[in-house]
Amino acid sequence: MQIRSSDLYLREEEELNFYEIILRGRQRKEIVIGYRLADADCAVINPPHKDVRRKWSYKDVFIVITEKE
């Protein structure tokens, strides 16, 4: 598991739902399992409302399963 910068998956202030983030991770051969918003103390793993669109920030991060670099 690794924490990845959101700029690997989106543009600043881009409005996407979590399913779309998962698809972008899949293109990188990664499995996106959660995120931590810039202003949050805790990460969200397996978010319940994956279809809700939101504006993401470059300060947000994603939790992914990926091969070791």
PDB file of N, CA and C in Angstrom:
ATOM      1  N   MET A   1       0.832  -1.174   0.000  1.00  0.00           N
ATOM      2  CA  MET A   1       0.000   0.000   0.000  1.00  0.00           C
ATOM      3  C   MET A   1       0.878   1.239   0.000  1.00  0.00           C
ATOM      4  N   GLN A   2       0.422   2.257  -0.719  1.00  0.00           N
ATOM      5  CA  GLN A   2       1.159   3.519  -0.772  1.00  0.00           C
ATOM      6  C   GLN A   2       0.194   4.691  -0.776  1.00  0.00           C
ATOM      7  N   ILE A   3       0.698   5.828  -0.367  1.00  0.00           N
ATOM      8  CA  ILE A   3      -0.051   7.075  -0.455  1.00  0.00           C
ATOM      9  C   ILE A   3       0.467   7.808  -1.684  1.00  0.00           C
ATOM     10  N   ARG A   4      -0.466   8.207  -2.544  1.00  0.00           N
ATOM     11  CA  ARG A   4      -0.093   8.865  -3.796  1.00  0.00           C
ATOM     12  C   ARG A   4      -0.689  10.266  -3.851  1.00  0.00           C
ATOM     13  N   SER A   5       0.076  11.180  -4.402  1.00  0.00           N
ATOM     14  CA  SER A   5      -0.385  12.542  -4.611  1.00  0.00           C
ATOM     15  C   SER A   5      -1.542  12.544  -5.614  1.00  0.00           C
ATOM     16  N   SER A   6      -2.511  13.390  -5.390  1.00  0.00           N
ATOM     17  CA  SER A   6      -3.676  13.420  -6.274  1.00  0.00           C
ATOM     18  C   SER A   6      -3.348  13.908  -7.680  1.00  0.00           C
ATOM     19  N   ASP A   7      -2.237  14.634  -7.846  1.00  0.00           N
ATOM     20  CA  ASP A   7      -1.911  15.132  -9.186  1.00  0.00           C
ATOM     21  C   ASP A   7      -1.565  14.011 -10.166  1.00  0.00           C
ATOM     22  N   LEU A   8      -1.403  12.782  -9.668  1.00  0.00           N
ATOM     23  CA  LEU A   8      -1.190  11.637 -10.554  1.00  0.00           C
ATOM     24  C   LEU A   8      -2.496  11.168 -11.197  1.00  0.00           C
ATOM     25  N   TYR A   9      -3.633  11.607 -10.654  1.00  0.00           N
ATOM     26  CA  TYR A   9      -4.936  11.104 -11.090  1.00  0.00           C
ATOM     27  C   TYR A   9      -5.876  12.178 -11.622  1.00  0.00           C
ATOM     28  N   LEU A  10      -5.576  13.441 -11.359  1.00  0.00           N
ATOM     29  CA  LEU A  10      -6.530  14.487 -11.725  1.00  0.00           C
ATOM     30  C   LEU A  10      -5.856  15.842 -11.865  1.00  0.00           C
ATOM     31  N   ARG A  11      -6.631  16.790 -12.360  1.00  0.00           N
ATOM     32  CA  ARG A  11      -6.194  18.179 -12.430  1.00  0.00           C
ATOM     33  C   ARG A  11      -6.801  18.933 -11.245  1.00  0.00           C
ATOM     34  N   GLU A  12      -6.143  19.994 -10.835  1.00  0.00           N
ATOM     35  CA  GLU A  12      -6.622  20.804  -9.714  1.00  0.00           C
ATOM     36  C   GLU A  12      -8.069  21.230  -9.934  1.00  0.00           C
ATOM     37  N   GLU A  13      -8.879  21.054  -8.903  1.00  0.00           N
ATOM     38  CA  GLU A  13     -10.296  21.444  -8.908  1.00  0.00           C
ATOM     39  C   GLU A  13     -11.140  20.665  -9.925  1.00  0.00           C
ATOM     40  N   GLU A  14     -10.633  19.546 -10.409  1.00  0.00           N
ATOM     41  CA  GLU A  14     -11.422  18.714 -11.322  1.00  0.00           C
ATOM     42  C   GLU A  14     -12.534  18.042 -10.526  1.00  0.00           C
ATOM     43  N   GLU A  15     -13.706  17.981 -11.123  1.00  0.00           N
ATOM     44  CA  GLU A  15     -14.857  17.387 -10.451  1.00  0.00           C
ATOM     45  C   GLU A  15     -15.071  15.963 -10.964  1.00  0.00           C
ATOM     46  N   LEU A  16     -14.818  14.987 -10.096  1.00  0.00           N
ATOM     47  CA  LEU A  16     -14.939  13.566 -10.434  1.00  0.00           C
ATOM     48  C   LEU A  16     -15.580  12.825  -9.279  1.00  0.00           C
ATOM     49  N   ASN A  17     -16.126  11.654  -9.589  1.00  0.00           N
ATOM     50  CA  ASN A  17     -16.556  10.791  -8.488  1.00  0.00           C
ATOM     51  C   ASN A  17     -15.451   9.757  -8.219  1.00  0.00           C
ATOM     52  N   PHE A  18     -15.596   9.021  -7.142  1.00  0.00           N
ATOM     53  CA  PHE A  18     -14.542   8.088  -6.752  1.00  0.00           C
ATOM     54  C   PHE A  18     -14.393   6.949  -7.756  1.00  0.00           C
ATOM     55  N   TYR A  19     -15.486   6.542  -8.409  1.00  0.00           N
ATOM     56  CA  TYR A  19     -15.376   5.517  -9.450  1.00  0.00           C
ATOM     57  C   TYR A  19     -14.429   5.967 -10.563  1.00  0.00           C
ATOM     58  N   GLU A  20     -14.496   7.238 -10.930  1.00  0.00           N
ATOM     59  CA  GLU A  20     -13.620   7.757 -11.982  1.00  0.00           C
ATOM     60  C   GLU A  20     -12.159   7.769 -11.528  1.00  0.00           C
ATOM     61  N   ILE A  21     -11.935   8.048 -10.252  1.00  0.00           N
ATOM     62  CA  ILE A  21     -10.578   7.982  -9.698  1.00  0.00           C
ATOM     63  C   ILE A  21     -10.075   6.537  -9.745  1.00  0.00           C
ATOM     64  N   ILE A  22     -10.937   5.593  -9.409  1.00  0.00           N
ATOM     65  CA  ILE A  22     -10.569   4.173  -9.471  1.00  0.00           C
ATOM     66  C   ILE A  22     -10.144   3.799 -10.891  1.00  0.00           C
ATOM     67  N   LEU A  23     -10.897   4.256 -11.890  1.00  0.00           N
ATOM     68  CA  LEU A  23     -10.559   3.956 -13.287  1.00  0.00           C
ATOM     69  C   LEU A  23      -9.213   4.554 -13.675  1.00  0.00           C
ATOM     70  N   ARG A  24      -8.931   5.743 -13.219  1.00  0.00           N
ATOM     71  CA  ARG A  24      -7.634   6.359 -13.522  1.00  0.00           C
ATOM     72  C   ARG A  24      -6.502   5.612 -12.833  1.00  0.00           C
ATOM     73  N   GLY A  25      -6.762   5.117 -11.641  1.00  0.00           N
ATOM     74  CA  GLY A  25      -5.766   4.288 -10.970  1.00  0.00           C
ATOM     75  C   GLY A  25      -5.523   3.000 -11.727  1.00  0.00           C
ATOM     76  N   ARG A  26      -6.586   2.425 -12.236  1.00  0.00           N
ATOM     77  CA  ARG A  26      -6.476   1.180 -13.006  1.00  0.00           C
ATOM     78  C   ARG A  26      -5.597   1.377 -14.239  1.00  0.00           C
ATOM     79  N   GLN A  27      -5.680   2.555 -14.857  1.00  0.00           N
ATOM     80  CA  GLN A  27      -4.832   2.860 -16.013  1.00  0.00           C
ATOM     81  C   GLN A  27      -3.355   2.879 -15.618  1.00  0.00           C
ATOM     82  N   ARG A  28      -3.079   3.154 -14.348  1.00  0.00           N
ATOM     83  CA  ARG A  28      -1.707   3.170 -13.831  1.00  0.00           C
ATOM     84  C   ARG A  28      -1.325   1.816 -13.227  1.00  0.00           C
ATOM     85  N   LYS A  29      -2.228   0.825 -13.384  1.00  0.00           N
ATOM     86  CA  LYS A  29      -2.039  -0.520 -12.816  1.00  0.00           C
ATOM     87  C   LYS A  29      -1.981  -0.469 -11.287  1.00  0.00           C
ATOM     88  N   GLU A  30      -2.854   0.365 -10.722  1.00  0.00           N
ATOM     89  CA  GLU A  30      -2.981   0.506  -9.275  1.00  0.00           C
ATOM     90  C   GLU A  30      -4.432   0.297  -8.873  1.00  0.00           C
ATOM     91  N   ILE A  31      -4.643  -0.046  -7.636  1.00  0.00           N
ATOM     92  CA  ILE A  31      -5.992  -0.186  -7.086  1.00  0.00           C
ATOM     93  C   ILE A  31      -6.170   0.907  -6.047  1.00  0.00           C
ATOM     94  N   VAL A  32      -7.015   1.868  -6.364  1.00  0.00           N
ATOM     95  CA  VAL A  32      -7.277   2.973  -5.436  1.00  0.00           C
ATOM     96  C   VAL A  32      -8.337   2.505  -4.447  1.00  0.00           C
ATOM     97  N   ILE A  33      -7.997   2.530  -3.145  1.00  0.00           N
ATOM     98  CA  ILE A  33      -8.921   2.020  -2.134  1.00  0.00           C
ATOM     99  C   ILE A  33      -9.453   3.102  -1.194  1.00  0.00           C
ATOM    100  N   GLY A  34      -8.894   4.308  -1.289  1.00  0.00           N
ATOM    101  CA  GLY A  34      -9.369   5.352  -0.398  1.00  0.00           C
ATOM    102  C   GLY A  34      -8.664   6.663  -0.644  1.00  0.00           C
ATOM    103  N   TYR A  35      -8.950   7.618   0.214  1.00  0.00           N
ATOM    104  CA  TYR A  35      -8.366   8.949   0.081  1.00  0.00           C
ATOM    105  C   TYR A  35      -8.319   9.649   1.432  1.00  0.00           C
ATOM    106  N   ARG A  36      -7.522  10.695   1.504  1.00  0.00           N
ATOM    107  CA  ARG A  36      -7.530  11.612   2.648  1.00  0.00           C
ATOM    108  C   ARG A  36      -7.569  13.013   2.082  1.00  0.00           C
ATOM    109  N   LEU A  37      -8.607  13.746   2.442  1.00  0.00           N
ATOM    110  CA  LEU A  37      -8.739  15.125   1.992  1.00  0.00           C
ATOM    111  C   LEU A  37      -7.748  16.001   2.740  1.00  0.00           C
ATOM    112  N   ALA A  38      -7.350  17.084   2.108  1.00  0.00           N
ATOM    113  CA  ALA A  38      -6.330  17.970   2.680  1.00  0.00           C
ATOM    114  C   ALA A  38      -6.710  18.488   4.061  1.00  0.00           C
ATOM    115  N   ASP A  39      -7.976  18.748   4.285  1.00  0.00           N
ATOM    116  CA  ASP A  39      -8.414  19.319   5.558  1.00  0.00           C
ATOM    117  C   ASP A  39      -8.929  18.275   6.549  1.00  0.00           C
ATOM    118  N   ALA A  40      -8.693  16.993   6.277  1.00  0.00           N
ATOM    119  CA  ALA A  40      -9.189  15.916   7.140  1.00  0.00           C
ATOM    120  C   ALA A  40      -8.065  15.313   7.966  1.00  0.00           C
ATOM    121  N   ASP A  41      -8.411  14.812   9.125  1.00  0.00           N
ATOM    122  CA  ASP A  41      -7.440  14.150   9.993  1.00  0.00           C
ATOM    123  C   ASP A  41      -7.294  12.667   9.674  1.00  0.00           C
ATOM    124  N   CYS A  42      -8.350  12.067   9.133  1.00  0.00           N
ATOM    125  CA  CYS A  42      -8.362  10.627   8.885  1.00  0.00           C
ATOM    126  C   CYS A  42      -8.632  10.326   7.413  1.00  0.00           C
ATOM    127  N   ALA A  43      -8.142   9.193   6.983  1.00  0.00           N
ATOM    128  CA  ALA A  43      -8.401   8.722   5.622  1.00  0.00           C
ATOM    129  C   ALA A  43      -9.747   8.025   5.557  1.00  0.00           C
ATOM    130  N   VAL A  44     -10.320   7.974   4.373  1.00  0.00           N
ATOM    131  CA  VAL A  44     -11.567   7.248   4.114  1.00  0.00           C
ATOM    132  C   VAL A  44     -11.206   6.061   3.236  1.00  0.00           C
ATOM    133  N   ILE A  45     -11.399   4.858   3.757  1.00  0.00           N
ATOM    134  CA  ILE A  45     -11.139   3.636   3.004  1.00  0.00           C
ATOM    135  C   ILE A  45     -12.477   3.076   2.543  1.00  0.00           C
ATOM    136  N   ASN A  46     -12.550   2.659   1.290  1.00  0.00           N
ATOM    137  CA  ASN A  46     -13.774   2.151   0.680  1.00  0.00           C
ATOM    138  C   ASN A  46     -14.941   3.114   0.928  1.00  0.00           C
ATOM    139  N   PRO A  47     -14.864   4.319   0.355  1.00  0.00           N
ATOM    140  CA  PRO A  47     -15.901   5.322   0.599  1.00  0.00           C
ATOM    141  C   PRO A  47     -17.293   4.809   0.226  1.00  0.00           C
ATOM    142  N   PRO A  48     -18.291   5.127   1.036  1.00  0.00           N
ATOM    143  CA  PRO A  48     -19.638   4.596   0.795  1.00  0.00           C
ATOM    144  C   PRO A  48     -20.351   5.215  -0.406  1.00  0.00           C
ATOM    145  N   HIS A  49     -20.096   6.459  -0.740  1.00  0.00           N
ATOM    146  CA  HIS A  49     -20.822   7.150  -1.813  1.00  0.00           C
ATOM    147  C   HIS A  49     -19.882   7.421  -2.983  1.00  0.00           C
ATOM    148  N   LYS A  50     -19.480   6.360  -3.653  1.00  0.00           N
ATOM    149  CA  LYS A  50     -18.487   6.450  -4.723  1.00  0.00           C
ATOM    150  C   LYS A  50     -18.992   7.186  -5.957  1.00  0.00           C
ATOM    151  N   ASP A  51     -20.313   7.322  -6.095  1.00  0.00           N
ATOM    152  CA  ASP A  51     -20.878   7.949  -7.280  1.00  0.00           C
ATOM    153  C   ASP A  51     -21.073   9.458  -7.132  1.00  0.00           C
ATOM    154  N   VAL A  52     -20.784  10.007  -5.967  1.00  0.00           N
ATOM    155  CA  VAL A  52     -20.966  11.433  -5.730  1.00  0.00           C
ATOM    156  C   VAL A  52     -19.762  12.208  -6.276  1.00  0.00           C
ATOM    157  N   ARG A  53     -20.054  13.166  -7.155  1.00  0.00           N
ATOM    158  CA  ARG A  53     -18.986  13.979  -7.736  1.00  0.00           C
ATOM    159  C   ARG A  53     -18.560  15.046  -6.741  1.00  0.00           C
ATOM    160  N   ARG A  54     -17.251  15.348  -6.731  1.00  0.00           N
ATOM    161  CA  ARG A  54     -16.718  16.399  -5.862  1.00  0.00           C
ATOM    162  C   ARG A  54     -15.507  17.015  -6.524  1.00  0.00           C
ATOM    163  N   LYS A  55     -15.163  18.200  -6.096  1.00  0.00           N
ATOM    164  CA  LYS A  55     -13.939  18.845  -6.578  1.00  0.00           C
ATOM    165  C   LYS A  55     -12.793  18.372  -5.712  1.00  0.00           C
ATOM    166  N   TRP A  56     -11.759  17.857  -6.355  1.00  0.00           N
ATOM    167  CA  TRP A  56     -10.578  17.373  -5.659  1.00  0.00           C
ATOM    168  C   TRP A  56      -9.494  18.437  -5.706  1.00  0.00           C
ATOM    169  N   SER A  57      -8.601  18.388  -4.755  1.00  0.00           N
ATOM    170  CA  SER A  57      -7.496  19.334  -4.671  1.00  0.00           C
ATOM    171  C   SER A  57      -6.179  18.586  -4.817  1.00  0.00           C
ATOM    172  N   TYR A  58      -5.150  19.287  -5.269  1.00  0.00           N
ATOM    173  CA  TYR A  58      -3.811  18.686  -5.316  1.00  0.00           C
ATOM    174  C   TYR A  58      -3.285  18.391  -3.913  1.00  0.00           C
ATOM    175  N   LYS A  59      -3.899  18.955  -2.895  1.00  0.00           N
ATOM    176  CA  LYS A  59      -3.484  18.689  -1.516  1.00  0.00           C
ATOM    177  C   LYS A  59      -4.088  17.399  -0.970  1.00  0.00           C
ATOM    178  N   ASP A  60      -5.078  16.836  -1.668  1.00  0.00           N
ATOM    179  CA  ASP A  60      -5.659  15.552  -1.278  1.00  0.00           C
ATOM    180  C   ASP A  60      -4.690  14.438  -1.672  1.00  0.00           C
ATOM    181  N   VAL A  61      -4.794  13.295  -1.020  1.00  0.00           N
ATOM    182  CA  VAL A  61      -3.984  12.142  -1.388  1.00  0.00           C
ATOM    183  C   VAL A  61      -4.864  10.905  -1.518  1.00  0.00           C
ATOM    184  N   PHE A  62      -4.378   9.922  -2.286  1.00  0.00           N
ATOM    185  CA  PHE A  62      -5.101   8.671  -2.481  1.00  0.00           C
ATOM    186  C   PHE A  62      -4.301   7.508  -1.904  1.00  0.00           C
ATOM    187  N   ILE A  63      -5.007   6.553  -1.357  1.00  0.00           N
ATOM    188  CA  ILE A  63      -4.399   5.337  -0.822  1.00  0.00           C
ATOM    189  C   ILE A  63      -4.584   4.263  -1.892  1.00  0.00           C
ATOM    190  N   VAL A  64      -3.477   3.677  -2.317  1.00  0.00           N
ATOM    191  CA  VAL A  64      -3.517   2.713  -3.410  1.00  0.00           C
ATOM    192  C   VAL A  64      -2.753   1.439  -3.057  1.00  0.00           C
ATOM    193  N   ILE A  65      -3.136   0.376  -3.718  1.00  0.00           N
ATOM    194  CA  ILE A  65      -2.372  -0.865  -3.690  1.00  0.00           C
ATOM    195  C   ILE A  65      -1.648  -0.918  -5.025  1.00  0.00           C
ATOM    196  N   THR A  66      -0.337  -1.084  -4.945  1.00  0.00           N
ATOM    197  CA  THR A  66       0.475  -1.066  -6.156  1.00  0.00           C
ATOM    198  C   THR A  66       1.710  -1.929  -5.938  1.00  0.00           C
ATOM    199  N   GLU A  67       2.376  -2.225  -7.023  1.00  0.00           N
ATOM    200  CA  GLU A  67       3.627  -2.973  -6.899  1.00  0.00           C
ATOM    201  C   GLU A  67       4.693  -2.069  -6.302  1.00  0.00           C
ATOM    202  N   LYS A  68       5.632  -2.680  -5.635  1.00  0.00           N
ATOM    203  CA  LYS A  68       6.735  -1.930  -5.031  1.00  0.00           C
ATOM    204  C   LYS A  68       7.571  -1.280  -6.120  1.00  0.00           C
ATOM    205  N   GLU A  69       7.938  -0.018  -5.885  1.00  0.00           N
ATOM    206  CA  GLU A  69       8.769   0.700  -6.863  1.00  0.00           C
ATOM    207  C   GLU A  69      10.219   0.404  -6.676  1.00  0.00           C
TER     208      GLU A  69
END
